[in-house]
Structure formats: structure tokens, C-alpha cells
C-alpha atoms as a PDB file:
ATOM      1  CA  MET A   1      41.859 -75.226  26.266  1.00  0.00           C
ATOM      2  CA  SER A   2      43.569 -72.998  28.571  1.00  0.00           C
ATOM      3  CA  LEU A   3      46.170 -71.830  25.579  1.00  0.00           C
ATOM      4  CA  SER A   4      43.577 -71.179  22.924  1.00  0.00           C
ATOM      5  CA  VAL A   5      41.572 -68.947  25.107  1.00  0.00           C
ATOM      6  CA  HIS A   6      45.030 -66.984  26.039  1.00  0.00           C
ATOM      7  CA  LYS A   7      46.191 -66.638  22.352  1.00  0.00           C
ATOM      8  CA  GLY A   8      42.831 -65.641  21.924  1.00  0.00           C
ATOM      9  CA  GLY A   9      43.379 -62.838  24.452  1.00  0.00           C
ATOM     10  CA  VAL A  10      46.436 -61.792  22.995  1.00  0.00           C
ATOM     11  CA  ARG A  11      44.886 -61.485  19.903  1.00  0.00           C
ATOM     12  CA  THR A  12      41.989 -59.010  21.650  1.00  0.00           C
ATOM     13  CA  ALA A  13      44.545 -57.442  23.190  1.00  0.00           C
ATOM     14  CA  TRP A  14      46.473 -56.338  19.864  1.00  0.00           C
ATOM     15  CA  LEU A  15      43.305 -55.583  18.236  1.00  0.00           C
ATOM     16  CA  LEU A  16      42.240 -53.002  21.159  1.00  0.00           C
ATOM     17  CA  ALA A  17      45.179 -51.793  21.254  1.00  0.00           C
ATOM     18  CA  LEU A  18      45.680 -50.945  17.483  1.00  0.00           C
ATOM     19  CA  CYS A  19      42.031 -49.540  17.720  1.00  0.00           C
ATOM     20  CA  PHE A  20      42.795 -47.439  20.596  1.00  0.00           C
ATOM     21  CA  ALA A  21      46.029 -46.235  18.160  1.00  0.00           C
ATOM     22  CA  ALA A  22      43.909 -45.555  15.527  1.00  0.00           C
ATOM     23  CA  CYS A  23      41.596 -43.237  17.269  1.00  0.00           C
ATOM     24  CA  LEU A  24      44.360 -41.229  19.540  1.00  0.00           C
ATOM     25  CA  ILE A  25      45.695 -40.516  15.652  1.00  0.00           C
ATOM     26  CA  VAL A  26      42.659 -39.723  14.405  1.00  0.00           C
ATOM     27  CA  ASN A  27      41.656 -37.248  17.264  1.00  0.00           C
ATOM     28  CA  LEU A  28      45.285 -35.846  17.013  1.00  0.00           C
ATOM     29  CA  VAL A  29      45.148 -35.311  13.468  1.00  0.00           C
ATOM     30  CA  TRP A  30      41.896 -33.970  12.919  1.00  0.00           C
ATOM     31  CA  PRO A  31      41.651 -31.488  15.283  1.00  0.00           C
ATOM     32  CA  LEU A  32      45.510 -30.493  13.252  1.00  0.00           C
ATOM     33  CA  GLY A  33      43.690 -30.324   9.903  1.00  0.00           C
ATOM     34  CA  CYS A  34      40.905 -28.228  11.423  1.00  0.00           C
ATOM     35  CA  LEU A  35      43.106 -25.791  13.143  1.00  0.00           C
ATOM     36  CA  ALA A  36      45.547 -25.437   9.910  1.00  0.00           C
ATOM     37  CA  ALA A  37      42.375 -24.987   7.580  1.00  0.00           C
ATOM     38  CA  ASN A  38      41.001 -22.642   9.987  1.00  0.00           C
ATOM     39  CA  ALA A  39      44.619 -20.665  10.706  1.00  0.00           C
ATOM     40  CA  SER A  40      44.715 -20.591   6.451  1.00  0.00           C
ATOM     41  CA  ARG A  41      41.115 -18.004   6.931  1.00  0.00           C
ATOM     42  CA  GLY A  42      42.881 -16.216   9.564  1.00  0.00           C
ATOM     43  CA  GLY A  43      40.179 -17.705  12.161  1.00  0.00           C
ATOM     44  CA  TRP A  44      37.183 -16.667  10.594  1.00  0.00           C
ATOM     45  CA  ARG A  45      34.720 -19.718   9.796  1.00  0.00           C
ATOM     46  CA  THR A  46      31.691 -17.396   9.284  1.00  0.00           C
ATOM     47  CA  VAL A  47      31.110 -14.135   8.191  1.00  0.00           C
ATOM     48  CA  ARG A  48      28.584 -11.890   8.551  1.00  0.00           C
ATOM     49  CA  ILE A  49      27.775  -8.839   5.956  1.00  0.00           C
ATOM     50  CA  ALA A  50      25.392  -6.109   6.395  1.00  0.00           C
ATOM     51  CA  SER A  51      23.677  -4.009   3.289  1.00  0.00           C
ATOM     52  CA  GLU A  52      21.212  -1.502   2.921  1.00  0.00           C
ATOM     53  CA  GLY A  53      19.006  -3.354   0.492  1.00  0.00           C
ATOM     54  CA  ALA A  54      18.011   0.291  -0.928  1.00  0.00           C
ATOM     55  CA  ARG A  55      20.252   0.929  -3.764  1.00  0.00           C
ATOM     56  CA  PRO A  56      20.012  -0.975  -6.697  1.00  0.00           C
ATOM     57  CA  PRO A  57      21.374  -2.258  -8.776  1.00  0.00           C
ATOM     58  CA  TYR A  58      24.368  -2.727  -5.985  1.00  0.00           C
ATOM     59  CA  ASN A  59      21.932  -3.893  -3.446  1.00  0.00           C
ATOM     60  CA  TYR A  60      18.155  -4.301  -2.641  1.00  0.00           C
ATOM     61  CA  LEU A  61      15.775  -6.635  -1.120  1.00  0.00           C
ATOM     62  CA  GLU A  62      13.513  -9.231  -3.448  1.00  0.00           C
ATOM     63  CA  ASN A  63      11.035 -11.653  -1.541  1.00  0.00           C
ATOM     64  CA  ASN A  64      12.711  -9.563   1.614  1.00  0.00           C
ATOM     65  CA  LYS A  65      15.845 -11.029   0.790  1.00  0.00           C
ATOM     66  CA  LEU A  66      18.997  -9.239   0.258  1.00  0.00           C
ATOM     67  CA  ALA A  67      20.151  -9.311  -3.414  1.00  0.00           C
ATOM     68  CA  GLY A  68      22.255  -7.337  -6.231  1.00  0.00           C
ATOM     69  CA  PHE A  69      25.677  -7.130  -7.650  1.00  0.00           C
ATOM     70  CA  GLU A  70      26.795  -6.692  -4.167  1.00  0.00           C
ATOM     71  CA  ILE A  71      25.367  -9.946  -2.566  1.00  0.00           C
ATOM     72  CA  ASP A  72      26.205 -11.933  -5.711  1.00  0.00           C
ATOM     73  CA  LEU A  73      29.922 -10.274  -5.635  1.00  0.00           C
ATOM     74  CA  ALA A  74      29.858 -11.134  -1.779  1.00  0.00           C
ATOM     75  CA  ARG A  75      28.660 -14.843  -2.254  1.00  0.00           C
ATOM     76  CA  ASP A  76      31.937 -15.422  -4.891  1.00  0.00           C
ATOM     77  CA  LEU A  77      34.267 -14.077  -2.390  1.00  0.00           C
ATOM     78  CA  CYS A  78      33.132 -16.039   0.556  1.00  0.00           C
ATOM     79  CA  ALA A  79      33.187 -19.031  -1.490  1.00  0.00           C
ATOM     80  CA  ARG A  80      37.062 -18.192  -2.214  1.00  0.00           C
ATOM     81  CA  VAL A  81      38.114 -17.161   1.158  1.00  0.00           C
ATOM     82  CA  LYS A  82      36.200 -20.712   2.209  1.00  0.00           C
ATOM     83  CA  VAL A  83      33.908 -19.370   5.200  1.00  0.00           C
ATOM     84  CA  SER A  84      30.242 -19.177   5.757  1.00  0.00           C
ATOM     85  CA  CYS A  85      28.337 -16.015   5.039  1.00  0.00           C
ATOM     86  CA  SER A  86      25.184 -14.876   6.439  1.00  0.00           C
ATOM     87  CA  PHE A  87      23.276 -11.495   5.306  1.00  0.00           C
ATOM     88  CA  ILE A  88      21.814  -8.740   7.345  1.00  0.00           C
ATOM     89  CA  ALA A  89      19.945  -5.780   6.207  1.00  0.00           C
ATOM     90  CA  GLN A  90      20.621  -2.327   8.008  1.00  0.00           C
ATOM     91  CA  ASP A  91      19.677   0.986   7.137  1.00  0.00           C
ATOM     92  CA  TRP A  92      22.392   3.136   6.133  1.00  0.00           C
ATOM     93  CA  ASP A  93      22.874   5.431   9.171  1.00  0.00           C
ATOM     94  CA  GLY A  94      23.450   2.182  11.198  1.00  0.00           C
ATOM     95  CA  LEU A  95      25.765   0.766   9.182  1.00  0.00           C
ATOM     96  CA  ILE A  96      29.013   1.944  10.611  1.00  0.00           C
ATOM     97  CA  PRO A  97      27.533   2.298  14.017  1.00  0.00           C
ATOM     98  CA  GLY A  98      26.800  -1.523  13.774  1.00  0.00           C
ATOM     99  CA  LEU A  99      29.928  -2.678  12.198  1.00  0.00           C
ATOM    100  CA  LEU A 100      31.561  -1.419  15.261  1.00  0.00           C
ATOM    101  CA  GLY A 101      29.479  -2.804  17.860  1.00  0.00           C
ATOM    102  CA  HIS A 102      30.070  -6.512  16.685  1.00  0.00           C
ATOM    103  CA  ARG A 103      26.758  -7.051  15.174  1.00  0.00           C
ATOM    104  CA  TYR A 104      28.125  -7.723  11.444  1.00  0.00           C
ATOM    105  CA  ASP A 105      31.667  -8.147  10.668  1.00  0.00           C
ATOM    106  CA  VAL A 106      31.275  -6.540   6.838  1.00  0.00           C
ATOM    107  CA  ILE A 107      30.383  -4.032   5.104  1.00  0.00           C
ATOM    108  CA  MET A 108      28.983  -4.259   1.663  1.00  0.00           C
ATOM    109  CA  ALA A 109      26.432  -1.202   0.740  1.00  0.00           C
ATOM    110  CA  ALA A 110      28.158   0.756  -1.780  1.00  0.00           C
ATOM    111  CA  MET A 111      30.119   2.938   0.636  1.00  0.00           C
ATOM    112  CA  GLU A 112      32.856   5.376  -0.864  1.00  0.00           C
ATOM    113  CA  ILE A 113      36.043   5.243   0.888  1.00  0.00           C
ATOM    114  CA  THR A 114      36.322   8.767   2.155  1.00  0.00           C
ATOM    115  CA  GLY A 115      38.607  10.279   4.573  1.00  0.00           C
ATOM    116  CA  GLU A 116      35.844  10.696   6.933  1.00  0.00           C
ATOM    117  CA  ALA A 117      34.608   6.660   6.873  1.00  0.00           C
ATOM    118  CA  ARG A 118      38.440   5.960   6.820  1.00  0.00           C
ATOM    119  CA  GLN A 119      38.553   7.528  10.353  1.00  0.00           C
ATOM    120  CA  LYS A 120      36.165   4.971  11.584  1.00  0.00           C
ATOM    121  CA  ILE A 121      36.696   2.162   9.752  1.00  0.00           C
ATOM    122  CA  ALA A 122      38.893  -0.077   7.341  1.00  0.00           C
ATOM    123  CA  PHE A 123      38.492  -0.611   3.622  1.00  0.00           C
ATOM    124  CA  THR A 124      39.823  -3.248   1.330  1.00  0.00           C
ATOM    125  CA  LYS A 125      41.011  -1.866  -1.882  1.00  0.00           C
ATOM    126  CA  PRO A 126      38.336  -0.962  -4.244  1.00  0.00           C
ATOM    127  CA  TYR A 127      35.583  -3.028  -6.041  1.00  0.00           C
ATOM    128  CA  ILE A 128      34.156  -0.543  -7.892  1.00  0.00           C
ATOM    129  CA  ARG A 129      34.941   2.914  -9.464  1.00  0.00           C
ATOM    130  CA  MET A 130      31.894   4.043 -10.575  1.00  0.00           C
ATOM    131  CA  PRO A 131      32.832   7.088 -13.616  1.00  0.00           C
ATOM    132  CA  SER A 132      30.645   9.713 -13.853  1.00  0.00           C
ATOM    133  CA  ALA A 133      29.143  10.959 -17.160  1.00  0.00           C
ATOM    134  CA  PHE A 134      27.216  13.896 -19.023  1.00  0.00           C
ATOM    135  CA  MET A 135      23.974  13.318 -20.421  1.00  0.00           C
ATOM    136  CA  THR A 136      23.104  15.514 -23.330  1.00  0.00           C
ATOM    137  CA  LEU A 137      19.808  15.450 -25.884  1.00  0.00           C
ATOM    138  CA  LYS A 138      20.008  12.624 -28.888  1.00  0.00           C
ATOM    139  CA  GLN A 139      20.098  15.344 -31.186  1.00  0.00           C
ATOM    140  CA  ARG A 140      23.380  16.937 -29.246  1.00  0.00           C
ATOM    141  CA  ALA A 141      25.232  13.573 -28.578  1.00  0.00           C
ATOM    142  CA  ALA A 142      28.366  14.548 -30.587  1.00  0.00           C
ATOM    143  CA  LEU A 143      28.677  17.617 -28.107  1.00  0.00           C
ATOM    144  CA  ASP A 144      31.972  18.197 -26.849  1.00  0.00           C
ATOM    145  CA  THR A 145      31.565  18.052 -23.106  1.00  0.00           C
ATOM    146  CA  SER A 146      35.221  19.360 -21.953  1.00  0.00           C
ATOM    147  CA  PRO A 147      35.797  22.636 -20.336  1.00  0.00           C
ATOM    148  CA  ALA A 148      36.679  23.810 -23.594  1.00  0.00           C
ATOM    149  CA  GLY A 149      33.573  22.745 -25.437  1.00  0.00           C
ATOM    150  CA  LEU A 150      31.388  23.582 -22.882  1.00  0.00           C
ATOM    151  CA  VAL A 151      32.123  27.195 -22.407  1.00  0.00           C
ATOM    152  CA  GLY A 152      29.004  29.334 -22.174  1.00  0.00           C
ATOM    153  CA  LYS A 153      27.066  26.224 -21.769  1.00  0.00           C
ATOM    154  CA  ALA A 154      24.309  25.284 -19.425  1.00  0.00           C
ATOM    155  CA  ILE A 155      25.067  22.403 -16.974  1.00  0.00           C
ATOM    156  CA  GLY A 156      22.809  20.848 -14.782  1.00  0.00           C
ATOM    157  CA  VAL A 157      23.898  19.102 -11.758  1.00  0.00           C
ATOM    158  CA  GLU A 158      22.718  17.904  -8.558  1.00  0.00           C
ATOM    159  CA  SER A 159      23.416  20.296  -5.758  1.00  0.00           C
ATOM    160  CA  GLY A 160      25.798  20.582  -2.835  1.00  0.00           C
ATOM    161  CA  GLY A 161      27.433  17.366  -4.359  1.00  0.00           C
ATOM    162  CA  THR A 162      31.305  16.600  -5.433  1.00  0.00           C
ATOM    163  CA  HIS A 163      29.812  16.996  -8.556  1.00  0.00           C
ATOM    164  CA  GLU A 164      29.270  20.621  -8.234  1.00  0.00           C
ATOM    165  CA  ALA A 165      32.095  21.525  -6.515  1.00  0.00           C
ATOM    166  CA  TYR A 166      34.043  19.670  -9.706  1.00  0.00           C
ATOM    167  CA  LEU A 167      32.098  22.059 -12.081  1.00  0.00           C
ATOM    168  CA  GLU A 168      32.870  24.975 -10.197  1.00  0.00           C
ATOM    169  CA  ASP A 169      36.513  24.198 -10.008  1.00  0.00           C
ATOM    170  CA  VAL A 170      37.240  22.691 -13.703  1.00  0.00           C
ATOM    171  CA  TYR A 171      34.241  24.378 -15.773  1.00  0.00           C
ATOM    172  CA  LYS A 172      34.713  28.064 -14.928  1.00  0.00           C
ATOM    173  CA  ARG A 173      33.493  29.358 -18.296  1.00  0.00           C
ATOM    174  CA  SER A 174      30.163  27.383 -18.241  1.00  0.00           C
ATOM    175  CA  GLU A 175      26.532  27.907 -16.452  1.00  0.00           C
ATOM    176  CA  ILE A 176      26.652  25.932 -13.809  1.00  0.00           C
ATOM    177  CA  ARG A 177      22.995  25.202 -12.241  1.00  0.00           C
ATOM    178  CA  PRO A 178      22.319  23.472  -9.472  1.00  0.00           C
ATOM    179  CA  TYR A 179      19.167  21.480  -8.671  1.00  0.00           C
ATOM    180  CA  ALA A 180      17.651  19.414  -5.893  1.00  0.00           C
ATOM    181  CA  THR A 181      17.797  16.134  -7.526  1.00  0.00           C
ATOM    182  CA  LEU A 182      19.310  14.617 -10.419  1.00  0.00           C
ATOM    183  CA  GLU A 183      16.129  13.969 -12.006  1.00  0.00           C
ATOM    184  CA  GLU A 184      14.742  17.781 -11.794  1.00  0.00           C
ATOM    185  CA  ALA A 185      18.138  18.348 -13.892  1.00  0.00           C
ATOM    186  CA  ILE A 186      17.448  15.887 -16.362  1.00  0.00           C
ATOM    187  CA  LEU A 187      13.288  16.732 -16.645  1.00  0.00           C
ATOM    188  CA  ASP A 188      14.879  20.740 -17.457  1.00  0.00           C
ATOM    189  CA  LEU A 189      17.717  18.938 -19.994  1.00  0.00           C
ATOM    190  CA  GLY A 190      14.936  16.786 -21.994  1.00  0.00           C
ATOM    191  CA  GLU A 191      12.763  20.748 -22.266  1.00  0.00           C
ATOM    192  CA  GLY A 192      15.969  21.947 -23.948  1.00  0.00           C
ATOM    193  CA  ARG A 193      16.823  24.482 -20.693  1.00  0.00           C
ATOM    194  CA  LEU A 194      20.245  22.802 -20.333  1.00  0.00           C
ATOM    195  CA  ASP A 195      22.866  21.536 -23.236  1.00  0.00           C
ATOM    196  CA  ALA A 196      24.226  19.056 -20.582  1.00  0.00           C
ATOM    197  CA  VAL A 197      23.634  17.131 -17.549  1.00  0.00           C
ATOM    198  CA  ILE A 198      26.399  15.354 -15.093  1.00  0.00           C
ATOM    199  CA  GLY A 199      25.887  12.969 -12.529  1.00  0.00           C
ATOM    200  CA  ASP A 200      27.126   9.383 -11.543  1.00  0.00           C
ATOM    201  CA  LYS A 201      26.845   6.777 -14.798  1.00  0.00           C
ATOM    202  CA  ASP A 202      24.945   4.297 -12.596  1.00  0.00           C
ATOM    203  CA  ALA A 203      22.041   6.359 -11.477  1.00  0.00           C
ATOM    204  CA  ILE A 204      22.031   8.178 -14.815  1.00  0.00           C
ATOM    205  CA  ALA A 205      21.589   4.750 -16.687  1.00  0.00           C
ATOM    206  CA  GLU A 206      18.864   3.825 -14.170  1.00  0.00           C
ATOM    207  CA  TYR A 207      17.129   6.629 -14.960  1.00  0.00           C
ATOM    208  CA  MET A 208      17.197   6.191 -18.728  1.00  0.00           C
ATOM    209  CA  LYS A 209      16.228   2.459 -18.405  1.00  0.00           C
ATOM    210  CA  THR A 210      13.463   3.482 -15.929  1.00  0.00           C
ATOM    211  CA  ARG A 211      11.826   6.539 -17.161  1.00  0.00           C
ATOM    212  CA  LYS A 212      10.198   7.380 -20.695  1.00  0.00           C
ATOM    213  CA  GLU A 213      11.494  10.829 -19.688  1.00  0.00           C
ATOM    214  CA  ALA A 214      14.840  10.031 -20.357  1.00  0.00           C
ATOM    215  CA  GLN A 215      13.993   8.975 -24.095  1.00  0.00           C
ATOM    216  CA  CYS A 216      14.902  12.360 -25.406  1.00  0.00           C
ATOM    217  CA  CYS A 217      18.602  11.647 -23.779  1.00  0.00           C
ATOM    218  CA  VAL A 218      21.738   9.752 -24.264  1.00  0.00           C
ATOM    219  CA  LEU A 219      24.883   9.431 -21.864  1.00  0.00           C
ATOM    220  CA  THR A 220      27.772  10.654 -24.036  1.00  0.00           C
ATOM    221  CA  ALA A 221      31.691  11.050 -22.352  1.00  0.00           C
ATOM    222  CA  ASP A 222      32.619  10.062 -19.321  1.00  0.00           C
ATOM    223  CA  VAL A 223      34.472  12.355 -16.952  1.00  0.00           C
ATOM    224  CA  PRO A 224      38.003  12.151 -16.490  1.00  0.00           C
ATOM    225  CA  HIS A 225      38.141  10.129 -12.337  1.00  0.00           C
ATOM    226  CA  ASP A 226      39.964  12.620 -10.155  1.00  0.00           C
ATOM    227  CA  PRO A 227      39.660  10.987  -6.694  1.00  0.00           C
ATOM    228  CA  ALA A 228      40.215  14.589  -5.327  1.00  0.00           C
ATOM    229  CA  TYR A 229      36.745  15.044  -5.894  1.00  0.00           C
ATOM    230  CA  PHE A 230      35.234  11.634  -6.683  1.00  0.00           C
ATOM    231  CA  GLY A 231      37.068   9.860  -4.360  1.00  0.00           C
ATOM    232  CA  ASP A 232      38.588   6.192  -4.538  1.00  0.00           C
ATOM    233  CA  GLY A 233      35.635   4.478  -5.265  1.00  0.00           C
ATOM    234  CA  ILE A 234      33.875   1.606  -3.447  1.00  0.00           C
ATOM    235  CA  GLY A 235      35.219  -0.762  -0.906  1.00  0.00           C
ATOM    236  CA  ILE A 236      34.663  -3.496   1.617  1.00  0.00           C
ATOM    237  CA  GLY A 237      34.256  -2.312   5.096  1.00  0.00           C
ATOM    238  CA  LEU A 238      35.751  -3.638   7.689  1.00  0.00           C
ATOM    239  CA  ARG A 239      36.486  -2.696  11.884  1.00  0.00           C
ATOM    240  CA  LYS A 240      40.241  -1.856  11.695  1.00  0.00           C
ATOM    241  CA  GLN A 241      41.248  -4.914  14.224  1.00  0.00           C
ATOM    242  CA  ASP A 242      40.500  -7.139  11.461  1.00  0.00           C
ATOM    243  CA  LYS A 243      43.344  -7.269   9.525  1.00  0.00           C
ATOM    244  CA  ALA A 244      43.605 -11.030   8.487  1.00  0.00           C
ATOM    245  CA  LEU A 245      40.041 -10.765   7.055  1.00  0.00           C
ATOM    246  CA  LYS A 246      40.600  -7.812   5.174  1.00  0.00           C
ATOM    247  CA  ALA A 247      43.828  -9.636   3.684  1.00  0.00           C
ATOM    248  CA  LEU A 248      41.579 -12.473   2.834  1.00  0.00           C
ATOM    249  CA  PHE A 249      39.217 -10.744   0.961  1.00  0.00           C
ATOM    250  CA  GLU A 250      41.461  -8.579  -1.021  1.00  0.00           C
ATOM    251  CA  LYS A 251      43.116 -11.758  -1.958  1.00  0.00           C
ATOM    252  CA  ALA A 252      39.514 -13.125  -2.910  1.00  0.00           C
ATOM    253  CA  LEU A 253      38.853 -10.135  -4.745  1.00  0.00           C
ATOM    254  CA  ASP A 254      42.379 -10.122  -6.870  1.00  0.00           C
ATOM    255  CA  SER A 255      41.184 -13.732  -7.784  1.00  0.00           C
ATOM    256  CA  CYS A 256      37.763 -12.795  -8.733  1.00  0.00           C
ATOM    257  CA  VAL A 257      39.216 -10.212 -11.070  1.00  0.00           C
ATOM    258  CA  ALA A 258      41.561 -12.294 -12.574  1.00  0.00           C
ATOM    259  CA  GLU A 259      40.087 -15.248 -13.144  1.00  0.00           C
ATOM    260  CA  GLY A 260      36.943 -13.546 -14.914  1.00  0.00           C
ATOM    261  CA  ALA A 261      34.218 -14.050 -12.591  1.00  0.00           C
ATOM    262  CA  PHE A 262      34.022 -10.111 -11.831  1.00  0.00           C
ATOM    263  CA  ALA A 263      33.364  -9.365 -14.970  1.00  0.00           C
ATOM    264  CA  LYS A 264      30.919 -12.091 -15.358  1.00  0.00           C
ATOM    265  CA  ILE A 265      29.098 -10.395 -12.280  1.00  0.00           C
ATOM    266  CA  ARG A 266      29.345  -7.481 -13.682  1.00  0.00           C
ATOM    267  CA  ALA A 267      27.738  -7.960 -16.341  1.00  0.00           C
ATOM    268  CA  LYS A 268      24.376  -9.134 -15.120  1.00  0.00           C
ATOM    269  CA  TYR A 269      23.718  -5.903 -13.207  1.00  0.00           C
ATOM    270  CA  PHE A 270      25.852  -3.058 -15.583  1.00  0.00           C
ATOM    271  CA  ASP A 271      25.736  -2.048 -19.046  1.00  0.00           C
ATOM    272  CA  PHE A 272      29.563  -0.420 -18.850  1.00  0.00           C
ATOM    273  CA  LYS A 273      32.716  -0.997 -17.134  1.00  0.00           C
ATOM    274  CA  ILE A 274      32.693   0.032 -13.210  1.00  0.00           C
ATOM    275  CA  ASP A 275      36.359  -1.498 -12.272  1.00  0.00           C
END
């Protein structure tokens, strides 16, 4: 009787020892696995993304939630980086201060990569290089919009922007007519007071989709991209010290483009190439 109890005690002790060892291994390996996965993400598990929600189709509010091209792209990138992402609507003037104040970690809000912005924050490589384009009357769709082709012609442009500076330097023999808004220039084009209008292709395309006054006109030729006037494109904004996060998102962007996901997201919102 005492021998049986002794054997049972030994078996119980062995079982307890095995259970203890198993628990010890699990507790050692599980954190190490978590640490390895976390290290592969540069220490990031969650990323807060700010967007304006006021510039369709890049970003806009739908049922009080952020939506649009950049929001869909952000979700794809977050899945590739293997982080959980949340979205925060922020007015334009508060975007950079909010990032620097750590209210969020990333800006995806159709923000141009410019020298002024670069002084404050870092950017990934551009995910959009929006072309500029000329718009003409339908009956003049074959108009040569090169500097030689528009000699003596009247070109409408929104005043005070990069397009006006570009025209003044490159189209010196054309008549450049600045307008308070691109819309006003397009209306004058429709009335036959201009030969062409220049502007961001997305802005012109959106106008043509939504305004009946644009039925008179067509997009003709893209303007050759010149970074000196039109910048380096639109990129993801981050704090300068968050170098690991920048590297993660740039790698995800490369993968998104290479695998064709970017083209599918783009096609949902734009009828032309933007990269």
C-alpha cells in the first residue's frame, strides 16, 4: 500500500515537473516570438493616420468617416506592414502641428513634397505625381499646346500658383490670363475668350465630371513634369525621427505597386495614371 502511494507520488511529481517545464518554455518562447514580430515592424503595432477629409477623390468624409483613394491605399499599406491603423480627420492647417505634437503618426492628405514642408517633417517617396494638363474647346482638341503651338494664344490659369509661374517662364510668347479660380478660367474658355486652360489634371477632370458647363471642353495634353515648378509629388508625411516607420511604409509602397494593388486602387478613383 505504501509502495503504491510512493509510485503514484513519483508519477505526480514528474507530471508537475513536465507541466512546469512546458509553461516555462511557452512563457519564454511566446514573448520572444512577439518581440521578433514587433522588431520586424520597427517596434510599431498601431499607427494613427491623419487626413483632411476635404479633397475628393484623395480623401473625403462619407457617413462621418474618412474615405477615398488615400484611405484605401493606407489600409493596403497597413496590412502589408502588419500594423493596426486608425484614421483621424484633421483640418489642413493643423496637420503638421498635430503630427509634431504626436496626436497621430502619419499624414496621408494629398500633401505635396515641398522644400518648406521638408523643413518640418519627413516624407516617403511619392505615391502620386499628379500631372498637369491643358484643357481646350472640343472643336479645338487637336490644338498644339506646346510653347510654339500657343504663340499668341490666350491661356487661362489660376493666379498665384505654380502653373502661372510655369507659364510665365516657358510660354513667354503667349498671352497669360490669371484668374482668381480655375473654375473662372474654365468658364471663360467655354465662352470662347481663351484658347486653353492649364491646371492639375485631377482638378480639371473632377470639374468635367461634375459641372455641365464643362461639356464644351476636353482634356488635351499633359504638361511635361518639371519638379522645379510642380514639386516631387505627394508623399506620406512622418516625423523626422520615425525612420523605421518611413522604411516600413516605403517597402509596403514598393510591394503595393509591384503586385498591382496600387493600380487597382487608383482605377477606382482616377481615370488616368497618377504615378
